Amino acid sequence: MTRDERDALYWRKNIRMVLALLVLWAIPPFALSIFGVELLDRFRLGGFPLGFWFAQQGSIVLFVVLILVYALYMDRLDRAFRGEGEEES
């Protein structure tokens, strides 16, 4: 595999992960806090309706978790691709 092919594969995997994580970040706030608000508001978390919590705090917490997932994935991907080609200078 040439360096250009390796680079293209690396970026393709990177972009796929970014898109997957963006979808995972977008679905819960919209699905749960907008479309499922009536169901969620039957429950309370810290004195607030659960629908409000998902809209205000849940997406932020989820975003932080997704950042961690992305960092771990990219660390593994970087090590895999660094092992295949030339060492960094």
PDB file of N, CA and C in Angstrom:
ATOM      1  N   MET A   1       0.846  -1.169   0.000  1.00  0.00           N
ATOM      2  CA  MET A   1       0.000   0.000   0.000  1.00  0.00           C
ATOM      3  C   MET A   1       0.898   1.242   0.000  1.00  0.00           C
ATOM      4  N   THR A   2       0.603   2.168  -0.892  1.00  0.00           N
ATOM      5  CA  THR A   2       1.412   3.383  -0.980  1.00  0.00           C
ATOM      6  C   THR A   2       1.048   4.347   0.160  1.00  0.00           C
ATOM      7  N   ARG A   3       1.893   5.328   0.337  1.00  0.00           N
ATOM      8  CA  ARG A   3       1.649   6.311   1.394  1.00  0.00           C
ATOM      9  C   ARG A   3       0.346   7.065   1.142  1.00  0.00           C
ATOM     10  N   ASP A   4       0.073   7.428  -0.111  1.00  0.00           N
ATOM     11  CA  ASP A   4      -1.165   8.139  -0.435  1.00  0.00           C
ATOM     12  C   ASP A   4      -2.393   7.280  -0.133  1.00  0.00           C
ATOM     13  N   GLU A   5      -2.324   6.001  -0.458  1.00  0.00           N
ATOM     14  CA  GLU A   5      -3.436   5.095  -0.160  1.00  0.00           C
ATOM     15  C   GLU A   5      -3.628   4.949   1.352  1.00  0.00           C
ATOM     16  N   ARG A   6      -2.510   4.853   2.063  1.00  0.00           N
ATOM     17  CA  ARG A   6      -2.568   4.744   3.523  1.00  0.00           C
ATOM     18  C   ARG A   6      -3.179   6.001   4.133  1.00  0.00           C
ATOM     19  N   ASP A   7      -2.748   7.154   3.646  1.00  0.00           N
ATOM     20  CA  ASP A   7      -3.291   8.422   4.142  1.00  0.00           C
ATOM     21  C   ASP A   7      -4.783   8.535   3.854  1.00  0.00           C
ATOM     22  N   ALA A   8      -5.197   8.128   2.655  1.00  0.00           N
ATOM     23  CA  ALA A   8      -6.616   8.181   2.293  1.00  0.00           C
ATOM     24  C   ALA A   8      -7.439   7.252   3.192  1.00  0.00           C
ATOM     25  N   LEU A   9      -6.929   6.060   3.459  1.00  0.00           N
ATOM     26  CA  LEU A   9      -7.621   5.122   4.341  1.00  0.00           C
ATOM     27  C   LEU A   9      -7.710   5.667   5.759  1.00  0.00           C
ATOM     28  N   TYR A  10      -6.632   6.255   6.234  1.00  0.00           N
ATOM     29  CA  TYR A  10      -6.607   6.860   7.570  1.00  0.00           C
ATOM     30  C   TYR A  10      -7.700   7.928   7.690  1.00  0.00           C
ATOM     31  N   TRP A  11      -7.740   8.845   6.723  1.00  0.00           N
ATOM     32  CA  TRP A  11      -8.719   9.929   6.800  1.00  0.00           C
ATOM     33  C   TRP A  11     -10.140   9.430   6.592  1.00  0.00           C
ATOM     34  N   ARG A  12     -10.324   8.405   5.772  1.00  0.00           N
ATOM     35  CA  ARG A  12     -11.655   7.823   5.581  1.00  0.00           C
ATOM     36  C   ARG A  12     -12.162   7.245   6.905  1.00  0.00           C
ATOM     37  N   LYS A  13     -11.290   6.520   7.617  1.00  0.00           N
ATOM     38  CA  LYS A  13     -11.679   5.959   8.918  1.00  0.00           C
ATOM     39  C   LYS A  13     -11.939   7.071   9.931  1.00  0.00           C
ATOM     40  N   ASN A  14     -11.125   8.115   9.903  1.00  0.00           N
ATOM     41  CA  ASN A  14     -11.294   9.243  10.815  1.00  0.00           C
ATOM     42  C   ASN A  14     -12.643   9.932  10.566  1.00  0.00           C
ATOM     43  N   ILE A  15     -12.950  10.240   9.337  1.00  0.00           N
ATOM     44  CA  ILE A  15     -14.199  10.929   8.998  1.00  0.00           C
ATOM     45  C   ILE A  15     -15.408  10.065   9.329  1.00  0.00           C
ATOM     46  N   ARG A  16     -15.327   8.761   9.074  1.00  0.00           N
ATOM     47  CA  ARG A  16     -16.437   7.866   9.441  1.00  0.00           C
ATOM     48  C   ARG A  16     -16.697   7.906  10.940  1.00  0.00           C
ATOM     49  N   MET A  17     -15.636   7.889  11.724  1.00  0.00           N
ATOM     50  CA  MET A  17     -15.807   7.934  13.176  1.00  0.00           C
ATOM     51  C   MET A  17     -16.415   9.260  13.604  1.00  0.00           C
ATOM     52  N   VAL A  18     -15.940  10.353  13.040  1.00  0.00           N
ATOM     53  CA  VAL A  18     -16.477  11.669  13.381  1.00  0.00           C
ATOM     54  C   VAL A  18     -17.968  11.728  13.044  1.00  0.00           C
ATOM     55  N   LEU A  19     -18.355  11.272  11.873  1.00  0.00           N
ATOM     56  CA  LEU A  19     -19.767  11.292  11.482  1.00  0.00           C
ATOM     57  C   LEU A  19     -20.617  10.408  12.388  1.00  0.00           C
ATOM     58  N   ALA A  20     -20.118   9.220  12.720  1.00  0.00           N
ATOM     59  CA  ALA A  20     -20.855   8.324  13.615  1.00  0.00           C
ATOM     60  C   ALA A  20     -21.047   8.962  14.991  1.00  0.00           C
ATOM     61  N   LEU A  21     -20.007   9.591  15.504  1.00  0.00           N
ATOM     62  CA  LEU A  21     -20.118  10.220  16.820  1.00  0.00           C
ATOM     63  C   LEU A  21     -21.039  11.440  16.782  1.00  0.00           C
ATOM     64  N   LEU A  22     -21.024  12.185  15.689  1.00  0.00           N
ATOM     65  CA  LEU A  22     -21.952  13.318  15.567  1.00  0.00           C
ATOM     66  C   LEU A  22     -23.397  12.860  15.533  1.00  0.00           C
ATOM     67  N   VAL A  23     -23.655  11.766  14.844  1.00  0.00           N
ATOM     68  CA  VAL A  23     -25.014  11.207  14.818  1.00  0.00           C
ATOM     69  C   VAL A  23     -25.413  10.749  16.219  1.00  0.00           C
ATOM     70  N   LEU A  24     -24.502  10.059  16.897  1.00  0.00           N
ATOM     71  CA  LEU A  24     -24.795   9.615  18.257  1.00  0.00           C
ATOM     72  C   LEU A  24     -25.005  10.784  19.210  1.00  0.00           C
ATOM     73  N   TRP A  25     -24.368  11.910  18.954  1.00  0.00           N
ATOM     74  CA  TRP A  25     -24.543  13.075  19.797  1.00  0.00           C
ATOM     75  C   TRP A  25     -25.855  13.793  19.484  1.00  0.00           C
ATOM     76  N   ALA A  26     -26.303  13.746  18.242  1.00  0.00           N
ATOM     77  CA  ALA A  26     -27.496  14.474  17.832  1.00  0.00           C
ATOM     78  C   ALA A  26     -28.789  13.731  18.178  1.00  0.00           C
ATOM     79  N   ILE A  27     -28.790  12.427  18.103  1.00  0.00           N
ATOM     80  CA  ILE A  27     -30.028  11.668  18.284  1.00  0.00           C
ATOM     81  C   ILE A  27     -30.602  11.773  19.697  1.00  0.00           C
ATOM     82  N   PRO A  28     -29.847  11.499  20.749  1.00  0.00           N
ATOM     83  CA  PRO A  28     -30.465  11.540  22.082  1.00  0.00           C
ATOM     84  C   PRO A  28     -31.081  12.888  22.466  1.00  0.00           C
ATOM     85  N   PRO A  29     -30.402  14.028  22.252  1.00  0.00           N
ATOM     86  CA  PRO A  29     -31.060  15.285  22.637  1.00  0.00           C
ATOM     87  C   PRO A  29     -32.359  15.538  21.871  1.00  0.00           C
ATOM     88  N   PHE A  30     -32.368  15.256  20.583  1.00  0.00           N
ATOM     89  CA  PHE A  30     -33.590  15.494  19.816  1.00  0.00           C
ATOM     90  C   PHE A  30     -34.655  14.459  20.115  1.00  0.00           C
ATOM     91  N   ALA A  31     -34.287  13.202  20.083  1.00  0.00           N
ATOM     92  CA  ALA A  31     -35.265  12.135  20.278  1.00  0.00           C
ATOM     93  C   ALA A  31     -35.822  12.128  21.697  1.00  0.00           C
ATOM     94  N   LEU A  32     -34.953  12.302  22.675  1.00  0.00           N
ATOM     95  CA  LEU A  32     -35.400  12.192  24.055  1.00  0.00           C
ATOM     96  C   LEU A  32     -35.954  13.491  24.628  1.00  0.00           C
ATOM     97  N   SER A  33     -35.332  14.610  24.326  1.00  0.00           N
ATOM     98  CA  SER A  33     -35.784  15.851  24.953  1.00  0.00           C
ATOM     99  C   SER A  33     -36.847  16.595  24.147  1.00  0.00           C
ATOM    100  N   ILE A  34     -36.985  16.300  22.876  1.00  0.00           N
ATOM    101  CA  ILE A  34     -38.015  16.972  22.075  1.00  0.00           C
ATOM    102  C   ILE A  34     -39.197  16.036  21.826  1.00  0.00           C
ATOM    103  N   PHE A  35     -38.906  14.869  21.245  1.00  0.00           N
ATOM    104  CA  PHE A  35     -39.987  13.963  20.897  1.00  0.00           C
ATOM    105  C   PHE A  35     -40.469  13.121  22.078  1.00  0.00           C
ATOM    106  N   GLY A  36     -39.592  12.846  23.018  1.00  0.00           N
ATOM    107  CA  GLY A  36     -39.972  12.012  24.154  1.00  0.00           C
ATOM    108  C   GLY A  36     -40.129  12.779  25.443  1.00  0.00           C
ATOM    109  N   VAL A  37     -40.313  14.102  25.353  1.00  0.00           N
ATOM    110  CA  VAL A  37     -40.341  14.933  26.557  1.00  0.00           C
ATOM    111  C   VAL A  37     -41.511  14.581  27.473  1.00  0.00           C
ATOM    112  N   GLU A  38     -42.666  14.261  26.923  1.00  0.00           N
ATOM    113  CA  GLU A  38     -43.820  13.938  27.763  1.00  0.00           C
ATOM    114  C   GLU A  38     -43.576  12.671  28.575  1.00  0.00           C
ATOM    115  N   LEU A  39     -42.979  11.688  27.933  1.00  0.00           N
ATOM    116  CA  LEU A  39     -42.662  10.457  28.639  1.00  0.00           C
ATOM    117  C   LEU A  39     -41.585  10.690  29.696  1.00  0.00           C
ATOM    118  N   LEU A  40     -40.537  11.429  29.353  1.00  0.00           N
ATOM    119  CA  LEU A  40     -39.437  11.672  30.279  1.00  0.00           C
ATOM    120  C   LEU A  40     -39.834  12.570  31.449  1.00  0.00           C
ATOM    121  N   ASP A  41     -40.753  13.499  31.218  1.00  0.00           N
ATOM    122  CA  ASP A  41     -41.142  14.422  32.281  1.00  0.00           C
ATOM    123  C   ASP A  41     -41.942  13.741  33.386  1.00  0.00           C
ATOM    124  N   ARG A  42     -42.320  12.514  33.208  1.00  0.00           N
ATOM    125  CA  ARG A  42     -42.974  11.757  34.286  1.00  0.00           C
ATOM    126  C   ARG A  42     -41.980  11.423  35.398  1.00  0.00           C
ATOM    127  N   PHE A  43     -40.693  11.465  35.080  1.00  0.00           N
ATOM    128  CA  PHE A  43     -39.641  11.144  36.039  1.00  0.00           C
ATOM    129  C   PHE A  43     -38.860  12.406  36.383  1.00  0.00           C
ATOM    130  N   ARG A  44     -38.282  12.413  37.575  1.00  0.00           N
ATOM    131  CA  ARG A  44     -37.502  13.573  38.005  1.00  0.00           C
ATOM    132  C   ARG A  44     -36.082  13.146  38.345  1.00  0.00           C
ATOM    133  N   LEU A  45     -35.129  14.041  38.065  1.00  0.00           N
ATOM    134  CA  LEU A  45     -33.725  13.807  38.376  1.00  0.00           C
ATOM    135  C   LEU A  45     -33.195  15.084  39.009  1.00  0.00           C
ATOM    136  N   GLY A  46     -32.829  15.014  40.269  1.00  0.00           N
ATOM    137  CA  GLY A  46     -32.348  16.198  40.976  1.00  0.00           C
ATOM    138  C   GLY A  46     -33.401  17.271  41.105  1.00  0.00           C
ATOM    139  N   GLY A  47     -34.670  16.892  41.165  1.00  0.00           N
ATOM    140  CA  GLY A  47     -35.757  17.854  41.307  1.00  0.00           C
ATOM    141  C   GLY A  47     -36.251  18.449  40.000  1.00  0.00           C
ATOM    142  N   PHE A  48     -35.608  18.119  38.903  1.00  0.00           N
ATOM    143  CA  PHE A  48     -36.021  18.640  37.605  1.00  0.00           C
ATOM    144  C   PHE A  48     -36.626  17.523  36.768  1.00  0.00           C
ATOM    145  N   PRO A  49     -37.560  17.864  35.883  1.00  0.00           N
ATOM    146  CA  PRO A  49     -38.096  16.839  34.979  1.00  0.00           C
ATOM    147  C   PRO A  49     -36.968  16.243  34.131  1.00  0.00           C
ATOM    148  N   LEU A  50     -37.023  14.954  33.896  1.00  0.00           N
ATOM    149  CA  LEU A  50     -35.960  14.273  33.164  1.00  0.00           C
ATOM    150  C   LEU A  50     -35.805  14.808  31.737  1.00  0.00           C
ATOM    151  N   GLY A  51     -36.911  15.242  31.107  1.00  0.00           N
ATOM    152  CA  GLY A  51     -36.826  15.841  29.773  1.00  0.00           C
ATOM    153  C   GLY A  51     -35.977  17.098  29.766  1.00  0.00           C
ATOM    154  N   PHE A  52     -36.143  17.928  30.795  1.00  0.00           N
ATOM    155  CA  PHE A  52     -35.322  19.138  30.933  1.00  0.00           C
ATOM    156  C   PHE A  52     -33.858  18.770  31.131  1.00  0.00           C
ATOM    157  N   TRP A  53     -33.605  17.746  31.959  1.00  0.00           N
ATOM    158  CA  TRP A  53     -32.232  17.331  32.220  1.00  0.00           C
ATOM    159  C   TRP A  53     -31.553  16.867  30.942  1.00  0.00           C
ATOM    160  N   PHE A  54     -32.248  16.060  30.133  1.00  0.00           N
ATOM    161  CA  PHE A  54     -31.659  15.604  28.870  1.00  0.00           C
ATOM    162  C   PHE A  54     -31.385  16.775  27.940  1.00  0.00           C
ATOM    163  N   ALA A  55     -32.269  17.733  27.906  1.00  0.00           N
ATOM    164  CA  ALA A  55     -32.075  18.877  27.010  1.00  0.00           C
ATOM    165  C   ALA A  55     -30.918  19.747  27.473  1.00  0.00           C
ATOM    166  N   GLN A  56     -30.745  19.917  28.789  1.00  0.00           N
ATOM    167  CA  GLN A  56     -29.741  20.847  29.299  1.00  0.00           C
ATOM    168  C   GLN A  56     -28.406  20.186  29.620  1.00  0.00           C
ATOM    169  N   GLN A  57     -28.436  19.069  30.298  1.00  0.00           N
ATOM    170  CA  GLN A  57     -27.212  18.460  30.794  1.00  0.00           C
ATOM    171  C   GLN A  57     -26.822  17.185  30.056  1.00  0.00           C
ATOM    172  N   GLY A  58     -27.803  16.432  29.638  1.00  0.00           N
ATOM    173  CA  GLY A  58     -27.521  15.142  29.017  1.00  0.00           C
ATOM    174  C   GLY A  58     -26.669  15.236  27.768  1.00  0.00           C
ATOM    175  N   SER A  59     -26.955  16.222  26.933  1.00  0.00           N
ATOM    176  CA  SER A  59     -26.167  16.348  25.698  1.00  0.00           C
ATOM    177  C   SER A  59     -24.732  16.768  25.992  1.00  0.00           C
ATOM    178  N   ILE A  60     -24.535  17.549  27.050  1.00  0.00           N
ATOM    179  CA  ILE A  60     -23.182  17.958  27.418  1.00  0.00           C
ATOM    180  C   ILE A  60     -22.394  16.767  27.950  1.00  0.00           C
ATOM    181  N   VAL A  61     -23.012  15.997  28.833  1.00  0.00           N
ATOM    182  CA  VAL A  61     -22.353  14.800  29.377  1.00  0.00           C
ATOM    183  C   VAL A  61     -22.049  13.817  28.251  1.00  0.00           C
ATOM    184  N   LEU A  62     -23.021  13.614  27.371  1.00  0.00           N
ATOM    185  CA  LEU A  62     -22.812  12.716  26.234  1.00  0.00           C
ATOM    186  C   LEU A  62     -21.666  13.214  25.356  1.00  0.00           C
ATOM    187  N   PHE A  63     -21.577  14.506  25.133  1.00  0.00           N
ATOM    188  CA  PHE A  63     -20.514  15.076  24.316  1.00  0.00           C
ATOM    189  C   PHE A  63     -19.141  14.795  24.926  1.00  0.00           C
ATOM    190  N   VAL A  64     -19.015  14.937  26.234  1.00  0.00           N
ATOM    191  CA  VAL A  64     -17.745  14.664  26.908  1.00  0.00           C
ATOM    192  C   VAL A  64     -17.369  13.190  26.770  1.00  0.00           C
ATOM    193  N   VAL A  65     -18.345  12.307  26.911  1.00  0.00           N
ATOM    194  CA  VAL A  65     -18.084  10.868  26.738  1.00  0.00           C
ATOM    195  C   VAL A  65     -17.648  10.576  25.306  1.00  0.00           C
ATOM    196  N   LEU A  66     -18.299  11.204  24.332  1.00  0.00           N
ATOM    197  CA  LEU A  66     -17.930  10.987  22.931  1.00  0.00           C
ATOM    198  C   LEU A  66     -16.534  11.532  22.627  1.00  0.00           C
ATOM    199  N   ILE A  67     -16.132  12.597  23.273  1.00  0.00           N
ATOM    200  CA  ILE A  67     -14.760  13.102  23.110  1.00  0.00           C
ATOM    201  C   ILE A  67     -13.766  12.055  23.594  1.00  0.00           C
ATOM    202  N   LEU A  68     -14.055  11.442  24.736  1.00  0.00           N
ATOM    203  CA  LEU A  68     -13.189  10.386  25.262  1.00  0.00           C
ATOM    204  C   LEU A  68     -13.128   9.201  24.297  1.00  0.00           C
ATOM    205  N   VAL A  69     -14.275   8.784  23.777  1.00  0.00           N
ATOM    206  CA  VAL A  69     -14.312   7.678  22.815  1.00  0.00           C
ATOM    207  C   VAL A  69     -13.486   8.024  21.578  1.00  0.00           C
ATOM    208  N   TYR A  70     -13.641   9.243  21.069  1.00  0.00           N
ATOM    209  CA  TYR A  70     -12.889   9.665  19.888  1.00  0.00           C
ATOM    210  C   TYR A  70     -11.387   9.688  20.160  1.00  0.00           C
ATOM    211  N   ALA A  71     -10.999  10.199  21.309  1.00  0.00           N
ATOM    212  CA  ALA A  71      -9.572  10.261  21.651  1.00  0.00           C
ATOM    213  C   ALA A  71      -8.970   8.863  21.732  1.00  0.00           C
ATOM    214  N   LEU A  72      -9.672   7.937  22.364  1.00  0.00           N
ATOM    215  CA  LEU A  72      -9.175   6.566  22.467  1.00  0.00           C
ATOM    216  C   LEU A  72      -9.103   5.897  21.096  1.00  0.00           C
ATOM    217  N   TYR A  73     -10.132   6.112  20.268  1.00  0.00           N
ATOM    218  CA  TYR A  73     -10.150   5.538  18.916  1.00  0.00           C
ATOM    219  C   TYR A  73      -8.997   6.090  18.083  1.00  0.00           C
ATOM    220  N   MET A  74      -8.802   7.398  18.123  1.00  0.00           N
ATOM    221  CA  MET A  74      -7.747   8.008  17.316  1.00  0.00           C
ATOM    222  C   MET A  74      -6.366   7.601  17.804  1.00  0.00           C
ATOM    223  N   ASP A  75      -6.199   7.400  19.093  1.00  0.00           N
ATOM    224  CA  ASP A  75      -4.922   6.920  19.614  1.00  0.00           C
ATOM    225  C   ASP A  75      -4.614   5.544  19.042  1.00  0.00           C
ATOM    226  N   ARG A  76      -5.614   4.671  19.043  1.00  0.00           N
ATOM    227  CA  ARG A  76      -5.428   3.329  18.488  1.00  0.00           C
ATOM    228  C   ARG A  76      -5.189   3.380  16.976  1.00  0.00           C
ATOM    229  N   LEU A  77      -5.941   4.231  16.274  1.00  0.00           N
ATOM    230  CA  LEU A  77      -5.779   4.355  14.828  1.00  0.00           C
ATOM    231  C   LEU A  77      -4.400   4.923  14.481  1.00  0.00           C
ATOM    232  N   ASP A  78      -3.967   5.931  15.216  1.00  0.00           N
ATOM    233  CA  ASP A  78      -2.636   6.513  14.976  1.00  0.00           C
ATOM    234  C   ASP A  78      -1.538   5.474  15.181  1.00  0.00           C
ATOM    235  N   ARG A  79      -1.654   4.696  16.257  1.00  0.00           N
ATOM    236  CA  ARG A  79      -0.633   3.660  16.499  1.00  0.00           C
ATOM    237  C   ARG A  79      -0.634   2.611  15.396  1.00  0.00           C
ATOM    238  N   ALA A  80      -1.804   2.240  14.913  1.00  0.00           N
ATOM    239  CA  ALA A  80      -1.898   1.231  13.854  1.00  0.00           C
ATOM    240  C   ALA A  80      -1.269   1.738  12.560  1.00  0.00           C
ATOM    241  N   PHE A  81      -1.546   2.979  12.213  1.00  0.00           N
ATOM    242  CA  PHE A  81      -1.014   3.511  10.965  1.00  0.00           C
ATOM    243  C   PHE A  81       0.453   3.897  11.088  1.00  0.00           C
ATOM    244  N   ARG A  82       0.896   4.289  12.264  1.00  0.00           N
ATOM    245  CA  ARG A  82       2.303   4.596  12.452  1.00  0.00           C
ATOM    246  C   ARG A  82       3.136   3.322  12.346  1.00  0.00           C
ATOM    247  N   GLY A  83       2.579   2.218  12.794  1.00  0.00           N
ATOM    248  CA  GLY A  83       3.288   0.941  12.721  1.00  0.00           C
ATOM    249  C   GLY A  83       3.416   0.417  11.303  1.00  0.00           C
ATOM    250  N   GLU A  84       2.518   0.816  10.411  1.00  0.00           N
ATOM    251  CA  GLU A  84       2.529   0.311   9.031  1.00  0.00           C
ATOM    252  C   GLU A  84       3.531   1.036   8.143  1.00  0.00           C
ATOM    253  N   GLY A  85       3.761   2.304   8.435  1.00  0.00           N
ATOM    254  CA  GLY A  85       4.595   3.095   7.535  1.00  0.00           C
ATOM    255  C   GLY A  85       5.863   3.564   8.176  1.00  0.00           C
ATOM    256  N   GLU A  86       6.358   4.677   7.658  1.00  0.00           N
ATOM    257  CA  GLU A  86       7.591   5.218   8.188  1.00  0.00           C
ATOM    258  C   GLU A  86       7.341   5.789   9.572  1.00  0.00           C
ATOM    259  N   GLU A  87       8.379   5.843  10.357  1.00  0.00           N
ATOM    260  CA  GLU A  87       8.302   6.449  11.679  1.00  0.00           C
ATOM    261  C   GLU A  87       8.233   7.958  11.532  1.00  0.00           C
ATOM    262  N   GLU A  88       7.654   8.606  12.556  1.00  0.00           N
ATOM    263  CA  GLU A  88       7.610  10.062  12.534  1.00  0.00           C
ATOM    264  C   GLU A  88       9.008  10.614  12.691  1.00  0.00           C
ATOM    265  N   SER A  89       9.259  11.764  12.044  1.00  0.00           N
ATOM    266  CA  SER A  89      10.586  12.370  12.178  1.00  0.00           C
ATOM    267  C   SER A  89      10.615  13.360  13.297  1.00  0.00           C
TER     268      SER A  89
END
